[in-house]
Protein backbone atom coordinates (compact mmCIF):
# COMPACT_ATOMS: atom_id res chain seq x y z
CA MET A 1 89.55 62.67 118.50
CA THR A 2 91.83 65.69 117.67
CA ASP A 3 95.29 64.21 116.73
CA ASP A 4 98.30 66.15 118.50
CA ARG A 5 99.74 66.57 115.11
CA GLU A 6 96.84 68.52 113.62
CA ARG A 7 95.94 70.23 116.49
CA PRO A 8 97.69 73.79 116.46
CA ARG A 9 100.68 75.30 118.36
CA VAL A 10 100.06 78.17 120.47
CA ALA A 11 102.64 80.83 119.68
CA ARG A 12 104.43 82.06 123.46
CA PRO A 13 104.79 85.52 124.03
CA LEU A 14 108.00 87.15 123.33
CA SER A 15 110.49 88.44 126.76
CA ARG A 16 113.41 90.81 126.62
CA GLU A 17 116.00 87.30 127.11
CA HIS A 18 115.04 86.12 123.57
CA MET A 19 116.08 89.38 121.73
CA PRO A 20 119.27 89.46 120.34
CA THR A 21 122.01 92.04 121.15
CA GLY A 22 123.93 91.63 117.90
CA TYR A 23 123.94 90.93 114.38
CA SER A 24 126.70 88.27 113.88
CA ILE A 25 123.29 86.19 112.49
CA SER A 26 121.69 89.00 110.27
CA LEU A 27 120.62 89.32 106.86
CA GLN A 28 123.21 91.71 106.36
CA LYS A 29 126.16 89.58 107.29
CA TYR A 30 124.05 86.58 105.74
CA THR A 31 124.44 88.35 101.91
CA ARG A 32 127.51 90.28 102.61
CA ARG A 33 125.33 93.13 101.85
CA GLY A 34 127.33 96.66 101.08
CA THR A 35 130.15 94.28 99.15
CA ARG A 36 130.94 93.47 95.57
CA GLN A 37 130.33 89.66 96.87
CA GLU A 38 126.90 90.39 97.74
CA THR A 39 124.91 87.23 96.75
CA ARG A 40 120.88 85.73 97.99
CA ILE A 41 122.39 82.61 99.15
CA PRO A 42 125.87 82.48 99.88
CA ASP A 43 128.66 79.91 100.24
CA ASP A 44 129.17 80.09 104.27
CA TYR A 45 125.85 80.04 105.60
CA GLY A 46 126.59 81.85 108.94
CA PRO A 47 127.30 81.17 112.50
CA MET A 48 125.62 77.68 113.93
CA GLN A 49 122.45 78.30 116.14
CA SER A 50 120.72 76.02 118.43
CA MET A 51 118.27 74.67 116.05
CA ARG A 52 116.89 71.50 117.33
CA GLY A 53 113.85 69.68 114.98
CA PHE A 54 114.85 71.97 112.03
CA GLU A 55 116.52 70.14 109.90
CA GLU A 56 120.29 69.80 109.97
CA THR A 57 121.45 71.51 106.50
CA TYR A 58 120.39 75.26 108.59
CA ARG A 59 122.71 76.61 110.24
CA ASN A 60 120.73 79.52 111.99
CA ILE A 61 117.71 81.54 111.14
CA ILE A 62 118.21 83.78 109.02
CA ASP A 63 119.59 80.57 106.94
CA TYR A 64 116.43 78.41 107.59
CA ILE A 65 114.30 82.08 106.07
CA VAL A 66 116.32 82.50 103.53
CA ARG A 67 116.59 79.10 101.99
CA ILE A 68 113.29 78.21 102.14
CA THR A 69 111.93 80.80 100.61
CA TYR A 70 114.14 80.41 97.28
CA ARG A 71 113.24 76.36 97.39
CA ILE A 72 109.53 77.14 97.45
CA TRP A 73 109.31 80.12 95.19
CA GLU A 74 112.23 80.11 92.74
CA ASP A 75 114.39 76.49 92.67
CA ARG A 76 110.05 75.38 92.35
CA GLU A 77 109.56 73.49 95.32
CA VAL A 78 106.68 74.51 96.01
CA GLU A 79 105.74 70.54 97.46
CA TYR A 80 108.16 71.40 100.64
CA ILE A 81 105.66 73.38 101.94
CA ALA A 82 104.85 70.43 103.49
CA ASP A 83 107.71 69.97 105.52
CA THR A 84 108.27 73.72 106.68
CA TYR A 85 103.98 74.26 107.67
CA SER A 86 102.98 72.59 110.32
CA ASP A 87 99.22 70.82 108.99
CA SER A 88 97.51 72.77 111.19
CA SER A 89 98.96 76.24 110.71
CA GLN A 90 97.38 78.91 110.87
CA VAL A 91 98.02 81.87 108.00
CA PHE A 92 96.60 85.31 108.24
CA ASP A 93 96.91 87.56 105.31
CA ASP A 94 94.52 90.38 103.76
CA TYR A 95 91.33 88.01 103.76
CA GLY A 96 91.55 86.62 106.98
CA LEU A 97 92.70 82.52 108.14
CA GLN A 98 93.76 80.42 106.00
CA HIS A 99 93.94 76.69 107.74
CA GLY A 100 96.75 74.22 106.92
CA CYS A 101 99.84 73.93 104.91
CA ARG A 102 97.83 72.74 101.69
CA LYS A 103 96.07 75.73 101.14
CA ILE A 104 98.83 77.43 101.21
CA ILE A 105 100.78 75.14 99.04
CA ASP A 106 97.81 75.47 96.46
CA ASP A 107 98.02 78.48 96.28
CA THR A 108 102.07 78.91 95.85
CA HIS A 109 101.12 76.83 92.76
CA HIS A 110 98.69 79.30 91.47
CA THR A 111 100.90 82.31 92.04
CA THR A 112 103.95 80.51 90.45
CA GLY A 113 101.87 80.00 87.71
CA ALA A 114 100.88 83.85 86.60
CA PHE A 115 104.32 84.82 87.86
CA SER A 116 106.61 82.11 85.71
CA ASP A 117 109.93 84.24 86.64
CA ILE A 118 108.80 84.82 89.96
CA LYS A 119 111.52 86.52 92.18
CA LEU A 120 111.38 86.62 96.48
CA ILE A 121 114.14 89.26 97.33
CA ALA A 122 114.60 89.52 101.22
CA ASP A 123 114.44 93.24 101.72
CA GLU A 124 115.28 92.56 105.56
CA ILE A 125 115.06 90.05 108.55
CA VAL A 126 114.16 90.14 111.43
CA TRP A 127 114.24 87.84 114.28
CA ALA A 128 114.11 86.80 117.81
CA GLY A 129 113.26 84.30 119.98
CA ASP A 130 114.82 80.93 119.93
CA ASP A 131 114.55 76.63 119.74
CA GLU A 132 112.69 76.76 122.72
CA ILE A 133 110.09 79.13 122.64
CA GLY A 134 110.02 79.47 118.79
CA TYR A 135 111.45 81.67 116.03
CA HIS A 136 109.81 84.72 115.21
CA THR A 137 111.21 86.29 112.16
CA SER A 138 109.84 89.79 110.83
CA HIS A 139 110.71 88.80 106.57
CA ARG A 140 110.55 92.00 104.22
CA THR A 141 110.56 90.75 101.24
CA ILE A 142 110.22 91.81 97.50
CA ILE A 143 108.22 89.82 95.06
CA ARG A 144 109.38 91.06 91.32
CA GLY A 145 107.92 89.22 87.86
CA THR A 146 106.07 89.23 84.84
CA ASN A 147 102.50 88.02 85.38
CA ASP A 148 102.39 85.52 82.04
CA GLY A 149 99.92 83.40 83.36
CA ASP A 150 95.68 84.13 84.42
CA SER A 151 95.08 84.17 87.97
CA ARG A 152 92.27 84.69 90.12
CA TYR A 153 92.94 88.41 89.45
CA GLY A 154 92.45 88.10 85.78
CA PRO A 155 93.89 86.74 82.55
CA ALA A 156 97.51 87.58 81.93
CA THR A 157 98.77 91.38 81.49
CA ASN A 158 102.35 90.57 80.25
CA ARG A 159 102.95 93.84 82.79
CA TYR A 160 106.12 93.34 85.34
CA ILE A 161 105.13 94.08 89.12
CA ASP A 162 107.36 94.49 92.39
CA VAL A 163 105.33 94.48 95.10
CA LEU A 164 106.51 95.12 98.89
CA VAL A 165 105.78 91.65 101.35
CA ILE A 166 106.37 91.62 104.69
CA ALA A 167 105.57 87.89 106.63
CA ASN A 168 105.99 87.78 110.48
CA CYS A 169 106.32 84.25 111.37
CA VAL A 170 107.22 81.98 114.46
CA ALA A 171 108.69 78.81 113.40
CA LEU A 172 109.52 75.41 115.84
CA GLU A 173 111.10 72.09 114.75
CA ASN A 174 110.99 73.01 111.33
CA GLU A 175 107.59 74.34 110.76
CA ILE A 176 106.52 77.91 110.54
CA PHE A 177 103.31 77.08 112.35
CA LEU A 178 101.85 81.09 112.52
CA GLU A 179 101.96 83.28 110.62
CA HIS A 180 100.56 87.14 109.88
CA VAL A 181 101.17 87.82 106.07
CA LEU A 182 100.41 91.30 105.12
CA TYR A 183 101.15 91.71 100.86
CA ASN A 184 100.77 95.11 98.98
CA ASN A 185 97.83 93.17 96.84
CA SER A 186 96.43 96.89 96.14
CA SER A 187 100.59 98.16 94.74
CA MET A 188 99.91 95.27 92.41
CA LEU A 189 96.51 95.28 91.57
CA GLN A 190 97.72 98.85 90.11
CA GLN A 191 100.87 97.89 88.80
CA LEU A 192 99.34 94.89 86.78
CA GLY A 193 97.07 97.34 84.76
CA HIS A 194 93.62 97.18 86.95
CA ASN A 195 91.08 99.86 88.07
CA LEU A 196 90.74 99.84 92.28
CA GLY A 197 87.21 101.31 91.44
CA ASP A 198 86.59 98.45 89.40
CA ILE A 199 88.58 95.94 91.17
CA VAL A 200 87.69 96.37 94.50
CA PRO A 201 83.51 96.23 94.25
CA ALA A 202 84.40 92.99 92.23
CA LEU A 203 86.28 91.24 94.80
CA ALA A 204 83.80 92.63 97.67
CA ALA A 205 80.92 90.66 95.41
CA SER A 206 83.05 87.51 95.08
CA PRO A 207 85.75 87.55 97.47
CA PRO A 208 88.93 85.06 98.07
CA ALA A 209 88.55 82.15 100.65
CA GLY A 210 88.81 83.93 103.87
CA TRP A 211 86.89 86.89 103.62
CA PRO A 212 85.20 88.79 105.19
CA ARG A 213 86.94 87.42 108.75
CA ASP A 214 84.93 86.78 111.39
CA ALA A 215 85.08 88.12 115.07
CA ALA A 216 86.93 85.23 116.38
CA VAL A 217 89.34 85.36 113.73
CA TRP A 218 89.90 88.91 115.13
CA ASP A 219 90.00 88.43 118.34
CA SER A 220 92.55 85.33 117.47
CA LEU A 221 94.89 87.84 115.03
CA ARG A 222 95.17 90.38 117.24
CA SER A 223 96.24 88.30 120.22
CA SER A 224 98.56 86.24 119.08
CA ALA A 225 101.80 85.95 120.60
CA ARG A 226 100.82 89.11 122.03
CA PRO A 227 102.68 89.54 125.78
CA GLU A 228 100.15 89.58 128.89
CA ARG A 229 102.32 93.43 129.40
CA PRO A 230 103.83 95.20 127.63
CA ILE A 231 107.37 93.91 128.02
CA HIS A 232 108.71 97.17 129.23
CA VAL A 233 105.75 97.20 131.70
CA ALA A 234 106.60 93.79 132.78
CA GLN A 235 110.61 93.76 132.32
CA PRO A 236 112.07 97.33 132.91
CA ILE A 237 114.98 98.84 132.52
CA ASP A 238 117.09 102.12 132.85
CA GLY A 239 117.86 104.12 129.48
CA PHE A 240 116.58 103.68 125.45
CA ASP A 241 114.22 100.88 126.41
CA ILE A 242 112.75 99.79 122.43
CA ASP A 243 109.08 98.57 123.38
CA ARG A 244 108.63 101.08 125.32
CA VAL A 245 109.41 103.62 122.09
CA ALA A 246 108.07 101.75 119.85
CA ARG A 247 104.33 101.78 121.50
CA HIS A 248 104.80 104.45 122.81
CA THR A 249 105.23 106.40 119.24
CA ILE A 250 102.27 104.49 117.78
CA ASP A 251 100.05 106.11 120.35
CA GLU A 252 101.31 109.29 120.36
CA LEU A 253 101.10 109.37 116.62
CA TRP A 254 97.35 107.58 115.87
CA ASN A 255 95.49 107.51 119.20
CA ARG A 256 96.85 110.58 120.88
CA ARG A 257 97.25 112.53 117.19
CA ASN A 258 100.14 114.32 118.81
CA LEU A 259 102.05 114.58 115.39
CA GLU A 260 104.72 116.60 117.61
CA ALA A 261 105.93 113.36 117.75
CA LEU A 262 107.69 112.86 114.88
CA ALA A 263 110.41 115.49 115.75
CA ALA A 264 110.77 113.64 118.49
CA THR A 265 111.22 110.17 117.61
CA TYR A 266 112.19 110.39 114.20
CA ALA A 267 115.59 111.48 112.12
CA THR A 268 115.86 114.73 110.21
CA GLY A 269 114.26 113.01 106.72
CA PHE A 270 113.73 110.02 107.54
CA GLY A 271 112.44 107.72 104.43
CA PHE A 272 108.96 105.80 104.82
CA GLU A 273 107.93 103.06 102.43
CA GLY A 274 104.46 101.95 102.75
CA PRO A 275 101.02 100.99 100.89
CA THR A 276 100.14 101.60 97.53
CA ASP A 277 103.03 103.11 96.09
CA ARG A 278 104.09 104.87 98.79
CA LYS A 279 107.26 106.33 99.47
CA PHE A 280 108.07 109.29 100.69
CA CYS A 281 110.88 111.03 102.82
CA GLY A 282 110.39 113.76 105.85
CA ALA A 283 107.78 114.60 108.14
CA GLY A 284 105.51 116.47 106.33
CA ASN A 285 104.63 113.76 103.76
CA TYR A 286 104.54 111.71 106.91
CA ARG A 287 102.10 114.71 108.97
CA GLU A 288 100.27 114.61 105.51
CA PHE A 289 99.67 110.21 105.00
CA LEU A 290 98.27 110.17 108.62
CA ASP A 291 95.75 113.12 108.35
CA SER A 292 94.11 111.28 105.15
CA ILE A 293 94.11 107.57 107.06
CA LEU A 294 92.40 109.54 110.01
CA GLY A 295 90.41 111.75 108.28
CA ALA A 296 88.60 109.04 106.95
CA PHE A 297 88.44 107.14 110.33
CA PRO A 298 88.58 110.04 113.20
CA ASP A 299 87.66 107.91 116.02
CA LEU A 300 90.49 104.98 115.04
CA GLU A 301 92.03 102.84 117.87
CA VAL A 302 95.11 101.24 117.38
CA GLN A 303 96.55 97.98 119.52
CA VAL A 304 100.09 97.83 119.20
CA ASP A 305 99.67 93.53 119.73
CA GLU A 306 104.06 92.42 119.52
CA VAL A 307 106.95 93.96 119.61
CA TYR A 308 110.23 92.37 118.64
CA TRP A 309 113.65 93.50 117.69
CA MET A 310 117.51 93.20 117.36
CA GLY A 311 120.58 95.04 118.27
CA ASN A 312 121.79 97.44 120.69
CA ASP A 313 122.07 101.74 121.43
CA VAL A 314 125.54 102.01 119.77
CA ASP A 315 125.44 99.57 116.40
CA GLY A 316 121.52 100.42 116.04
CA TYR A 317 118.52 98.29 116.21
CA LEU A 318 115.63 96.67 114.32
CA THR A 319 112.23 96.55 114.83
CA SER A 320 108.80 94.62 113.59
CA GLU A 321 105.71 96.09 115.68
CA ARG A 322 102.64 94.37 114.75
CA TRP A 323 99.18 96.45 115.63
CA SER A 324 95.65 95.99 114.52
CA ALA A 325 92.47 98.96 114.56
CA GLU A 326 88.81 100.06 114.70
CA GLY A 327 87.47 102.46 113.43
CA THR A 328 83.91 103.94 111.48
CA HIS A 329 84.35 104.95 108.19
CA THR A 330 82.34 108.85 108.86
CA GLY A 331 85.06 111.03 107.86
CA PRO A 332 85.10 112.25 103.15
CA GLY A 333 88.54 112.03 101.39
CA LEU A 334 90.94 109.56 100.44
CA TYR A 335 88.34 106.75 100.70
CA GLY A 336 85.87 108.52 99.04
CA GLU A 337 82.60 109.24 100.89
CA PRO A 338 81.27 108.03 104.16
CA THR A 339 79.84 104.88 104.40
CA GLY A 340 79.17 105.00 108.37
CA LYS A 341 80.72 101.52 108.19
CA PRO A 342 83.43 99.81 110.97
CA ILE A 343 86.45 99.07 109.73
CA GLN A 344 88.97 96.30 110.63
CA ILE A 345 92.34 97.24 110.07
CA TRP A 346 95.90 95.13 110.66
CA GLY A 347 99.66 95.67 110.12
CA ILE A 348 103.06 95.17 110.72
CA THR A 349 105.79 98.43 110.68
CA GLN A 350 109.74 98.10 110.86
CA HIS A 351 111.92 100.53 111.74
CA GLU A 352 115.77 101.41 111.27
CA ILE A 353 116.45 102.96 114.34
CA ALA A 354 120.46 105.15 114.34
CA GLY A 355 121.04 107.35 117.51
CA GLY A 356 117.60 107.13 118.97
CA ARG A 357 116.06 107.91 116.63
CA ILE A 358 113.78 106.04 113.00
CA VAL A 359 115.95 106.74 110.46
CA ARG A 360 113.49 104.38 108.51
CA GLU A 361 110.50 102.86 108.51
CA TRP A 362 108.02 99.75 106.76
CA LEU A 363 104.97 99.96 107.29
CA LEU A 364 101.96 97.62 105.78
CA PHE A 365 97.83 97.47 106.28
CA ASN A 366 95.53 95.47 104.77
CA GLU A 367 95.11 98.65 102.64
CA LEU A 368 93.06 96.33 100.12
CA ASP A 369 90.43 94.51 102.19
CA LEU A 370 89.69 98.47 104.08
CA MET A 371 88.88 99.21 100.56
CA MET A 372 86.94 96.07 99.78
CA GLN A 373 85.21 95.89 103.39
CA LEU A 374 83.49 99.89 102.72
CA ALA A 375 82.73 98.44 99.58
CA ALA A 376 80.69 95.59 100.35
């Protein structure tokens, strides 16, 4: 018989009432951004929030995410992961599904051994939920450090890395039990001095644990925390609706190939940061990015799996959209000559919205895994 502690929790979908309507509990308030007092771990941990079952030291969900990350990675209390991830945690990453906190602990020890000066710097945290349904957090992080130790990718290169990560977690009673995390691994490998054309076939031939993911894992990745009906359908409102706008934008751009939606939804000169060191501004560059992906996978079909947000019409919004897609590599270009192989892509997008328009976008998808799928 399975012990209850070993049975995975099921993440419950969020509803409109779970979305924060302001920024009193936010990373910007926590780190005092924009002032001379800015610091990563403040003396004042911010407003008290209901945190049933969490350690008393944590005052709110932002404080929890920032301080456990710092404690695990930079104070090197790696074993503390056992207190903050459940024994039955499910972590979907670039390579598949990782089960249980022991795997996370081992992987963290491996990474801190490869980068002795590693830092994980919180760049933004979009949160929603509560201590009953679970806190959902979309944690955008910058990893910085020097590769002064051997890693699964080879001997130490002594090169410095600056890598974007987005981790979407669900936490309840002091434990993260579900995580979708994307590391900009293709960028990291290039920064370490590796040639992707050489290392990708080698990784596909001798892959990390969990790769390739099977149909059951893929279905679970897509369905976890997904509402039965989109929030804007189940709980319609008048006026500006973030859920409707987010889903409509992704559908128009990726499925309908309606690039005119850029002018309707994005601010002029908006900023973009994406996988494999893609950084640019404006609609023209975004069109080229979309064309490169859709040209390689002409039948790509994207579904939005989860949307949550914080903010209001006056102060603006921060959003997190988790999405997934299937397609076939039948087009030349970005990933070489067509292989005819079916592929799986999944990603996390964060938006900053002001005045009803997207002013910045951060997007990561499993690009290294995608290249491995084509090379296998």
